[in-house]
Structure formats: structure tokens, C-alpha cells
Amino acid sequence: MKRFLVPLTVIFCVCNTACSVPQHRIYPEHTHIKNTNLSVTDILHNDFDIVKRMLYLLGKATYCLENGKPVSKGNFQDLIKIISEFSDKHHQEKEDKVLFPALKVKNDGEKKDFLGRLLMEHVSARDAIRNLTSALVNFDQGKKARRKIAKIAHSYIKQMEKHIEMEEKILFPWINKVLTADEQAMFIKKFEDMEKEDIANGVHEKYSAMIEMLEKQLEISMGNVQTL
């Protein structure tokens, strides 16, 4: 698991930003811990690093679509495929199937309603991706069809950015506060078990290569434009 997480963090650093990745990155909620080893939230943060990079690329593709710059239906389909893989499978499944059911009863259920809200946002995000996939069927049907695609993409990006911020600022610090070391180890083991098959089959390397290709293609399409 660690072999995959650290290299991917390097790949998905935001353009024009210097990227230095220690073995275990220190996030704000870890600053009070003297010796931070890999934690549940480190893994979830790393998932989000990938999702954020894909949202950034989806924003670029949408900009190209709206401004007559070269972008293909295949570009959007590849973006959706990777977003679904890392957001739905590698991140949301960890929370929906493993983490949240256990957290609901922590501290007498103090975050039960909040966790329920996050679960509903996961459902809404998956619905948005399905809507975007459906809209792409009409990619070549003119400006109206493309405006619909762009509208759904913008809405999804905004929705996910808000969701990620909520988890990083509220959920993750709370997780680090309430989970014991043994519980951390148990969840990390379960996360690793969920990804064993994909790692063995080279799925992560495949998507890493796809992302690098999309980055190059969209940079060329954007030309000299620096901001979206």
C-alpha cells in the first residue's frame, strides 16, 4: 500500500507548485503529534490528492469545451473513468463500507448525523458522474449539448471541492482524535485488503499513465492560458 501512495502523491502535485513529499506528510490535524506514522487519514488525504488533481483536469477540459479549444469526448470519458475509480472505489468505499459504520457509534454517536450527511453527498456525487456520462452521449450534437456537459461538470467540481474541504477540516481531525492506535492499524489493514487485487493487477500504474497523458493533452489544448 505505501509503495503506491507515496509515488502517486508525487505524480499529482499541482502544476507550477514545488513538491516535496516526506515519507509521512504532516497535515494540520497532525501537528500536535510528535511522531506521525501512516494513519487512516493519511490514506484518505492521499486519495483526495488524486481526486483534486482529477477535478483540476476536469476543470481544464470543461474550459476547453466552453472556449472552442481542442478537447475530445474521449478526454472526458477518461477523466470520468479515473474519477470514478479513485473517488468512488478507492475513497468512498473505504468510508462507506469500512470506516463510517464503525465511526457512527464512536463517542456515543456524536458524529452520526454528520456521517450520514457525508454518505448522502457520496450518493449525490455518484449521481452527478452518471449524469455527466449520460450527457456525453450528445457530445457532438452542438452548443446546447456542450453547455449541458459544462454545467454538470462545473456543478460536480464545486460539489466535490466543498465535500473534500468538509472532510479535511472536520472529519479527519476528529478521526485522529477518537481512534486508538489499534483501531488505526485495523482500518489500515482493511484498506490494504480492499486494494490488494488492483495493486497486484497494475491498475494504479495504468491510471497513473492515463493521467499523465491527459495532463499533456490538456496543457497543449489550453495553450498559454494559465488560469481557468
C-alpha atoms as a PDB file:
ATOM      1  CA  MET A   1       0.000   0.000   0.000  1.00  0.00           C
ATOM      2  CA  LYS A   2       2.708   2.505   0.958  1.00  0.00           C
ATOM      3  CA  ARG A   3       4.536   1.759  -2.302  1.00  0.00           C
ATOM      4  CA  PHE A   4       1.535   3.124  -4.199  1.00  0.00           C
ATOM      5  CA  LEU A   5       0.563   6.055  -2.002  1.00  0.00           C
ATOM      6  CA  VAL A   6       3.846   7.942  -1.949  1.00  0.00           C
ATOM      7  CA  PRO A   7       4.636   7.783  -5.702  1.00  0.00           C
ATOM      8  CA  LEU A   8       1.113   8.898  -6.576  1.00  0.00           C
ATOM      9  CA  THR A   9       1.489  11.902  -4.317  1.00  0.00           C
ATOM     10  CA  VAL A  10       4.485  12.926  -6.415  1.00  0.00           C
ATOM     11  CA  ILE A  11       2.606  12.478  -9.696  1.00  0.00           C
ATOM     12  CA  PHE A  12      -0.401  14.540  -8.732  1.00  0.00           C
ATOM     13  CA  CYS A  13       1.225  17.679  -7.351  1.00  0.00           C
ATOM     14  CA  VAL A  14      -0.422  20.779  -8.770  1.00  0.00           C
ATOM     15  CA  CYS A  15       1.318  22.352 -11.751  1.00  0.00           C
ATOM     16  CA  ASN A  16       3.810  25.137 -11.059  1.00  0.00           C
ATOM     17  CA  THR A  17       3.983  24.179  -7.369  1.00  0.00           C
ATOM     18  CA  ALA A  18       7.175  22.861  -5.844  1.00  0.00           C
ATOM     19  CA  CYS A  19       6.503  19.411  -4.464  1.00  0.00           C
ATOM     20  CA  SER A  20       8.465  17.853  -1.651  1.00  0.00           C
ATOM     21  CA  VAL A  21       6.996  14.670  -0.230  1.00  0.00           C
ATOM     22  CA  PRO A  22       8.320  13.261   3.028  1.00  0.00           C
ATOM     23  CA  GLN A  23       7.671   9.661   3.891  1.00  0.00           C
ATOM     24  CA  HIS A  24       4.698  10.693   6.021  1.00  0.00           C
ATOM     25  CA  ARG A  25       3.247  14.100   5.264  1.00  0.00           C
ATOM     26  CA  ILE A  26       2.134  16.238   8.183  1.00  0.00           C
ATOM     27  CA  TYR A  27      -1.361  17.650   7.816  1.00  0.00           C
ATOM     28  CA  PRO A  28      -2.751  20.370  10.141  1.00  0.00           C
ATOM     29  CA  GLU A  29      -4.535  17.890  12.394  1.00  0.00           C
ATOM     30  CA  HIS A  30      -1.232  16.042  12.926  1.00  0.00           C
ATOM     31  CA  THR A  31       0.813  18.988  14.151  1.00  0.00           C
ATOM     32  CA  HIS A  32       0.286  18.064  17.800  1.00  0.00           C
ATOM     33  CA  ILE A  33       1.683  14.562  17.253  1.00  0.00           C
ATOM     34  CA  LYS A  34       5.435  14.254  17.710  1.00  0.00           C
ATOM     35  CA  ASN A  35       5.891  11.027  15.753  1.00  0.00           C
ATOM     36  CA  THR A  36       3.292  10.725  12.991  1.00  0.00           C
ATOM     37  CA  ASN A  37       3.280   7.344  11.270  1.00  0.00           C
ATOM     38  CA  LEU A  38       0.953   6.416   8.412  1.00  0.00           C
ATOM     39  CA  SER A  39      -2.603   6.904   9.627  1.00  0.00           C
ATOM     40  CA  VAL A  40      -6.123   6.332   8.367  1.00  0.00           C
ATOM     41  CA  THR A  41      -6.401   9.993   7.430  1.00  0.00           C
ATOM     42  CA  ASP A  42      -3.031   9.936   5.627  1.00  0.00           C
ATOM     43  CA  ILE A  43      -4.528   7.327   3.309  1.00  0.00           C
ATOM     44  CA  LEU A  44      -7.738   9.307   2.848  1.00  0.00           C
ATOM     45  CA  HIS A  45      -5.747  12.503   2.254  1.00  0.00           C
ATOM     46  CA  ASN A  46      -3.749  10.731  -0.433  1.00  0.00           C
ATOM     47  CA  ASP A  47      -6.975   9.605  -2.099  1.00  0.00           C
ATOM     48  CA  PHE A  48      -8.075  13.224  -2.101  1.00  0.00           C
ATOM     49  CA  ASP A  49      -4.767  14.361  -3.616  1.00  0.00           C
ATOM     50  CA  ILE A  50      -5.642  12.260  -6.639  1.00  0.00           C
ATOM     51  CA  VAL A  51      -9.284  13.344  -6.748  1.00  0.00           C
ATOM     52  CA  LYS A  52      -8.270  17.027  -6.529  1.00  0.00           C
ATOM     53  CA  ARG A  53      -5.899  16.583  -9.450  1.00  0.00           C
ATOM     54  CA  MET A  54      -8.677  14.990 -11.486  1.00  0.00           C
ATOM     55  CA  LEU A  55     -11.095  17.810 -10.594  1.00  0.00           C
ATOM     56  CA  TYR A  56      -8.443  20.264 -11.784  1.00  0.00           C
ATOM     57  CA  LEU A  57      -8.124  18.400 -15.075  1.00  0.00           C
ATOM     58  CA  LEU A  58     -11.918  18.178 -15.446  1.00  0.00           C
ATOM     59  CA  GLY A  59     -11.990  21.948 -14.992  1.00  0.00           C
ATOM     60  CA  LYS A  60      -9.402  22.320 -17.738  1.00  0.00           C
ATOM     61  CA  ALA A  61     -11.331  20.055 -20.103  1.00  0.00           C
ATOM     62  CA  THR A  62     -14.531  21.988 -19.401  1.00  0.00           C
ATOM     63  CA  TYR A  63     -12.763  25.293 -20.065  1.00  0.00           C
ATOM     64  CA  CYS A  64     -11.601  23.942 -23.416  1.00  0.00           C
ATOM     65  CA  LEU A  65     -15.126  22.774 -24.217  1.00  0.00           C
ATOM     66  CA  GLU A  66     -16.605  26.194 -23.441  1.00  0.00           C
ATOM     67  CA  ASN A  67     -13.950  28.166 -25.287  1.00  0.00           C
ATOM     68  CA  GLY A  68     -13.594  26.231 -28.507  1.00  0.00           C
ATOM     69  CA  LYS A  69     -10.218  24.721 -27.647  1.00  0.00           C
ATOM     70  CA  PRO A  70      -9.363  21.138 -28.657  1.00  0.00           C
ATOM     71  CA  VAL A  71     -10.907  18.597 -26.293  1.00  0.00           C
ATOM     72  CA  SER A  72     -12.491  15.261 -27.122  1.00  0.00           C
ATOM     73  CA  LYS A  73     -15.322  13.146 -25.848  1.00  0.00           C
ATOM     74  CA  GLY A  74     -12.659  10.561 -25.060  1.00  0.00           C
ATOM     75  CA  ASN A  75     -10.847  13.053 -22.795  1.00  0.00           C
ATOM     76  CA  PHE A  76     -13.997  13.444 -20.708  1.00  0.00           C
ATOM     77  CA  GLN A  77     -14.657   9.714 -20.681  1.00  0.00           C
ATOM     78  CA  ASP A  78     -11.128   9.014 -19.442  1.00  0.00           C
ATOM     79  CA  LEU A  79     -11.483  11.660 -16.739  1.00  0.00           C
ATOM     80  CA  ILE A  80     -14.778  10.182 -15.590  1.00  0.00           C
ATOM     81  CA  LYS A  81     -13.307   6.686 -15.531  1.00  0.00           C
ATOM     82  CA  ILE A  82     -10.390   7.723 -13.333  1.00  0.00           C
ATOM     83  CA  ILE A  83     -12.502   9.936 -11.064  1.00  0.00           C
ATOM     84  CA  SER A  84     -14.934   7.074 -10.540  1.00  0.00           C
ATOM     85  CA  GLU A  85     -12.067   4.696  -9.779  1.00  0.00           C
ATOM     86  CA  PHE A  86     -10.353   6.861  -7.196  1.00  0.00           C
ATOM     87  CA  SER A  87     -13.305   8.778  -5.757  1.00  0.00           C
ATOM     88  CA  ASP A  88     -15.920   6.031  -5.725  1.00  0.00           C
ATOM     89  CA  LYS A  89     -13.879   2.894  -5.266  1.00  0.00           C
ATOM     90  CA  HIS A  90     -10.655   3.857  -3.530  1.00  0.00           C
ATOM     91  CA  HIS A  91     -12.035   6.590  -1.335  1.00  0.00           C
ATOM     92  CA  GLN A  92     -15.774   6.374  -0.854  1.00  0.00           C
ATOM     93  CA  GLU A  93     -15.826   2.598  -0.435  1.00  0.00           C
ATOM     94  CA  LYS A  94     -13.264   2.879   2.343  1.00  0.00           C
ATOM     95  CA  GLU A  95     -15.573   5.268   4.143  1.00  0.00           C
ATOM     96  CA  ASP A  96     -18.968   3.809   3.224  1.00  0.00           C
ATOM     97  CA  LYS A  97     -18.179   0.134   3.820  1.00  0.00           C
ATOM     98  CA  VAL A  98     -15.415   0.178   6.443  1.00  0.00           C
ATOM     99  CA  LEU A  99     -14.885   3.420   8.306  1.00  0.00           C
ATOM    100  CA  PHE A 100     -18.265   5.150   8.709  1.00  0.00           C
ATOM    101  CA  PRO A 101     -20.201   2.154  10.105  1.00  0.00           C
ATOM    102  CA  ALA A 102     -17.661   1.946  12.943  1.00  0.00           C
ATOM    103  CA  LEU A 103     -17.438   5.702  13.477  1.00  0.00           C
ATOM    104  CA  LYS A 104     -21.214   6.091  13.830  1.00  0.00           C
ATOM    105  CA  VAL A 105     -21.087   4.611  17.327  1.00  0.00           C
ATOM    106  CA  LYS A 106     -17.907   6.396  18.437  1.00  0.00           C
ATOM    107  CA  ASN A 107     -18.311   8.721  21.432  1.00  0.00           C
ATOM    108  CA  ASP A 108     -21.990   7.761  21.764  1.00  0.00           C
ATOM    109  CA  GLY A 109     -22.679   8.617  18.141  1.00  0.00           C
ATOM    110  CA  GLU A 110     -21.637  12.271  18.379  1.00  0.00           C
ATOM    111  CA  LYS A 111     -20.924  12.443  14.619  1.00  0.00           C
ATOM    112  CA  LYS A 112     -23.716  10.133  13.452  1.00  0.00           C
ATOM    113  CA  ASP A 113     -25.731  12.858  11.696  1.00  0.00           C
ATOM    114  CA  PHE A 114     -22.604  14.383  10.154  1.00  0.00           C
ATOM    115  CA  LEU A 115     -21.508  10.999   8.814  1.00  0.00           C
ATOM    116  CA  GLY A 116     -24.983  10.459   7.393  1.00  0.00           C
ATOM    117  CA  ARG A 117     -24.687  13.770   5.565  1.00  0.00           C
ATOM    118  CA  LEU A 118     -21.341  12.755   4.089  1.00  0.00           C
ATOM    119  CA  LEU A 119     -22.808   9.447   2.923  1.00  0.00           C
ATOM    120  CA  MET A 120     -25.624  11.293   1.155  1.00  0.00           C
ATOM    121  CA  GLU A 121     -23.062  13.541  -0.512  1.00  0.00           C
ATOM    122  CA  HIS A 122     -21.296  10.423  -1.788  1.00  0.00           C
ATOM    123  CA  VAL A 123     -24.575   9.313  -3.370  1.00  0.00           C
ATOM    124  CA  SER A 124     -25.089  12.759  -4.925  1.00  0.00           C
ATOM    125  CA  ALA A 125     -21.545  12.742  -6.341  1.00  0.00           C
ATOM    126  CA  ARG A 126     -22.071   9.357  -7.968  1.00  0.00           C
ATOM    127  CA  ASP A 127     -25.384  10.597  -9.408  1.00  0.00           C
ATOM    128  CA  ALA A 128     -23.588  13.635 -10.869  1.00  0.00           C
ATOM    129  CA  ILE A 129     -20.998  11.409 -12.552  1.00  0.00           C
ATOM    130  CA  ARG A 130     -23.779   9.282 -14.044  1.00  0.00           C
ATOM    131  CA  ASN A 131     -25.475  12.463 -15.331  1.00  0.00           C
ATOM    132  CA  LEU A 132     -22.196  13.638 -16.844  1.00  0.00           C
ATOM    133  CA  THR A 133     -21.712  10.247 -18.512  1.00  0.00           C
ATOM    134  CA  SER A 134     -25.218  10.421 -19.976  1.00  0.00           C
ATOM    135  CA  ALA A 135     -24.700  13.979 -21.212  1.00  0.00           C
ATOM    136  CA  LEU A 136     -21.543  12.938 -23.052  1.00  0.00           C
ATOM    137  CA  VAL A 137     -23.643  10.786 -25.393  1.00  0.00           C
ATOM    138  CA  ASN A 138     -24.625  14.040 -27.118  1.00  0.00           C
ATOM    139  CA  PHE A 139     -21.108  15.492 -27.133  1.00  0.00           C
ATOM    140  CA  ASP A 140     -21.159  16.074 -30.905  1.00  0.00           C
ATOM    141  CA  GLN A 141     -24.708  17.450 -31.046  1.00  0.00           C
ATOM    142  CA  GLY A 142     -23.884  21.152 -30.923  1.00  0.00           C
ATOM    143  CA  LYS A 143     -23.524  24.028 -28.466  1.00  0.00           C
ATOM    144  CA  LYS A 144     -26.593  23.242 -26.367  1.00  0.00           C
ATOM    145  CA  ALA A 145     -25.354  19.730 -25.648  1.00  0.00           C
ATOM    146  CA  ARG A 146     -21.900  21.019 -24.771  1.00  0.00           C
ATOM    147  CA  ARG A 147     -23.312  23.677 -22.469  1.00  0.00           C
ATOM    148  CA  LYS A 148     -25.168  20.938 -20.587  1.00  0.00           C
ATOM    149  CA  ILE A 149     -21.965  18.936 -20.215  1.00  0.00           C
ATOM    150  CA  ALA A 150     -20.117  22.014 -18.935  1.00  0.00           C
ATOM    151  CA  LYS A 151     -22.907  22.862 -16.468  1.00  0.00           C
ATOM    152  CA  ILE A 152     -22.890  19.366 -14.963  1.00  0.00           C
ATOM    153  CA  ALA A 153     -19.076  19.341 -14.798  1.00  0.00           C
ATOM    154  CA  HIS A 154     -18.918  22.711 -13.033  1.00  0.00           C
ATOM    155  CA  SER A 155     -21.590  21.637 -10.553  1.00  0.00           C
ATOM    156  CA  TYR A 156     -19.760  18.374  -9.811  1.00  0.00           C
ATOM    157  CA  ILE A 157     -16.423  20.129  -9.282  1.00  0.00           C
ATOM    158  CA  LYS A 158     -17.982  22.648  -6.890  1.00  0.00           C
ATOM    159  CA  GLN A 159     -19.838  19.899  -5.032  1.00  0.00           C
ATOM    160  CA  MET A 160     -16.720  17.766  -4.613  1.00  0.00           C
ATOM    161  CA  GLU A 161     -14.494  20.660  -3.552  1.00  0.00           C
ATOM    162  CA  LYS A 162     -16.964  21.524  -0.780  1.00  0.00           C
ATOM    163  CA  HIS A 163     -17.219  17.873   0.278  1.00  0.00           C
ATOM    164  CA  ILE A 164     -13.443  17.415   0.380  1.00  0.00           C
ATOM    165  CA  GLU A 165     -12.997  20.588   2.420  1.00  0.00           C
ATOM    166  CA  MET A 166     -15.583  19.393   4.947  1.00  0.00           C
ATOM    167  CA  GLU A 167     -13.889  16.035   5.391  1.00  0.00           C
ATOM    168  CA  GLU A 168     -10.392  17.519   5.657  1.00  0.00           C
ATOM    169  CA  LYS A 169     -11.339  20.277   8.099  1.00  0.00           C
ATOM    170  CA  ILE A 170     -13.921  18.496  10.265  1.00  0.00           C
ATOM    171  CA  LEU A 171     -13.914  14.726   9.783  1.00  0.00           C
ATOM    172  CA  PHE A 172     -10.208  13.936   9.594  1.00  0.00           C
ATOM    173  CA  PRO A 173      -9.134  15.835  12.736  1.00  0.00           C
ATOM    174  CA  TRP A 174     -11.959  14.124  14.624  1.00  0.00           C
ATOM    175  CA  ILE A 175     -10.892  10.702  13.347  1.00  0.00           C
ATOM    176  CA  ASN A 176      -7.329  11.281  14.547  1.00  0.00           C
ATOM    177  CA  LYS A 177      -8.693  12.346  17.907  1.00  0.00           C
ATOM    178  CA  VAL A 178     -11.029   9.424  18.576  1.00  0.00           C
ATOM    179  CA  LEU A 179      -9.329   6.398  17.001  1.00  0.00           C
ATOM    180  CA  THR A 180      -6.913   4.407  19.122  1.00  0.00           C
ATOM    181  CA  ALA A 181      -3.632   3.116  17.700  1.00  0.00           C
ATOM    182  CA  ASP A 182      -5.095  -0.393  17.471  1.00  0.00           C
ATOM    183  CA  GLU A 183      -8.149   0.902  15.613  1.00  0.00           C
ATOM    184  CA  GLN A 184      -5.934   2.852  13.222  1.00  0.00           C
ATOM    185  CA  ALA A 185      -3.963  -0.308  12.458  1.00  0.00           C
ATOM    186  CA  MET A 186      -7.146  -2.336  11.969  1.00  0.00           C
ATOM    187  CA  PHE A 187      -8.635   0.134   9.466  1.00  0.00           C
ATOM    188  CA  ILE A 188      -5.359   0.480   7.566  1.00  0.00           C
ATOM    189  CA  LYS A 189      -5.221  -3.309   7.205  1.00  0.00           C
ATOM    190  CA  LYS A 190      -8.794  -3.340   5.896  1.00  0.00           C
ATOM    191  CA  PHE A 191      -7.981  -0.570   3.416  1.00  0.00           C
ATOM    192  CA  GLU A 192      -4.970  -2.530   2.185  1.00  0.00           C
ATOM    193  CA  ASP A 193      -7.067  -5.670   1.763  1.00  0.00           C
ATOM    194  CA  MET A 194      -9.561  -3.707  -0.364  1.00  0.00           C
ATOM    195  CA  GLU A 195      -6.827  -2.674  -2.798  1.00  0.00           C
ATOM    196  CA  LYS A 196      -4.707  -5.827  -2.940  1.00  0.00           C
ATOM    197  CA  GLU A 197      -6.175  -7.107  -6.202  1.00  0.00           C
ATOM    198  CA  ASP A 198      -5.869  -3.761  -8.002  1.00  0.00           C
ATOM    199  CA  ILE A 199      -2.271  -3.333  -6.888  1.00  0.00           C
ATOM    200  CA  ALA A 200      -1.401  -6.854  -8.000  1.00  0.00           C
ATOM    201  CA  ASN A 201      -3.003  -6.264 -11.413  1.00  0.00           C
ATOM    202  CA  GLY A 202      -1.227  -2.962 -12.011  1.00  0.00           C
ATOM    203  CA  VAL A 203      -4.441  -0.921 -12.010  1.00  0.00           C
ATOM    204  CA  HIS A 204      -2.807   2.042 -10.279  1.00  0.00           C
ATOM    205  CA  GLU A 205       0.035   2.199 -12.775  1.00  0.00           C
ATOM    206  CA  LYS A 206      -2.473   2.109 -15.637  1.00  0.00           C
ATOM    207  CA  TYR A 207      -4.399   5.088 -14.302  1.00  0.00           C
ATOM    208  CA  SER A 208      -1.202   6.976 -13.484  1.00  0.00           C
ATOM    209  CA  ALA A 209      -0.180   6.677 -17.149  1.00  0.00           C
ATOM    210  CA  MET A 210      -3.635   7.822 -18.282  1.00  0.00           C
ATOM    211  CA  ILE A 211      -3.455  10.880 -16.046  1.00  0.00           C
ATOM    212  CA  GLU A 212      -0.021  11.855 -17.324  1.00  0.00           C
ATOM    213  CA  MET A 213      -1.319  11.590 -20.897  1.00  0.00           C
ATOM    214  CA  LEU A 214      -4.386  13.704 -20.081  1.00  0.00           C
ATOM    215  CA  GLU A 215      -2.228  16.330 -18.404  1.00  0.00           C
ATOM    216  CA  LYS A 216      -0.088  16.664 -21.517  1.00  0.00           C
ATOM    217  CA  GLN A 217      -3.057  16.757 -23.881  1.00  0.00           C
ATOM    218  CA  LEU A 218      -4.959  19.368 -21.899  1.00  0.00           C
ATOM    219  CA  GLU A 219      -1.873  21.549 -21.388  1.00  0.00           C
ATOM    220  CA  ILE A 220      -1.452  21.625 -25.167  1.00  0.00           C
ATOM    221  CA  SER A 221      -5.151  22.420 -25.657  1.00  0.00           C
ATOM    222  CA  MET A 222      -5.046  25.205 -23.079  1.00  0.00           C
ATOM    223  CA  GLY A 223      -2.092  26.799 -24.860  1.00  0.00           C
ATOM    224  CA  ASN A 224      -0.828  29.805 -22.963  1.00  0.00           C
ATOM    225  CA  VAL A 225      -3.887  30.123 -20.705  1.00  0.00           C
ATOM    226  CA  GLN A 226      -2.712  29.966 -17.098  1.00  0.00           C
ATOM    227  CA  THR A 227      -5.949  30.189 -15.154  1.00  0.00           C
ATOM    228  CA  LEU A 228      -9.417  28.717 -15.554  1.00  0.00           C
END
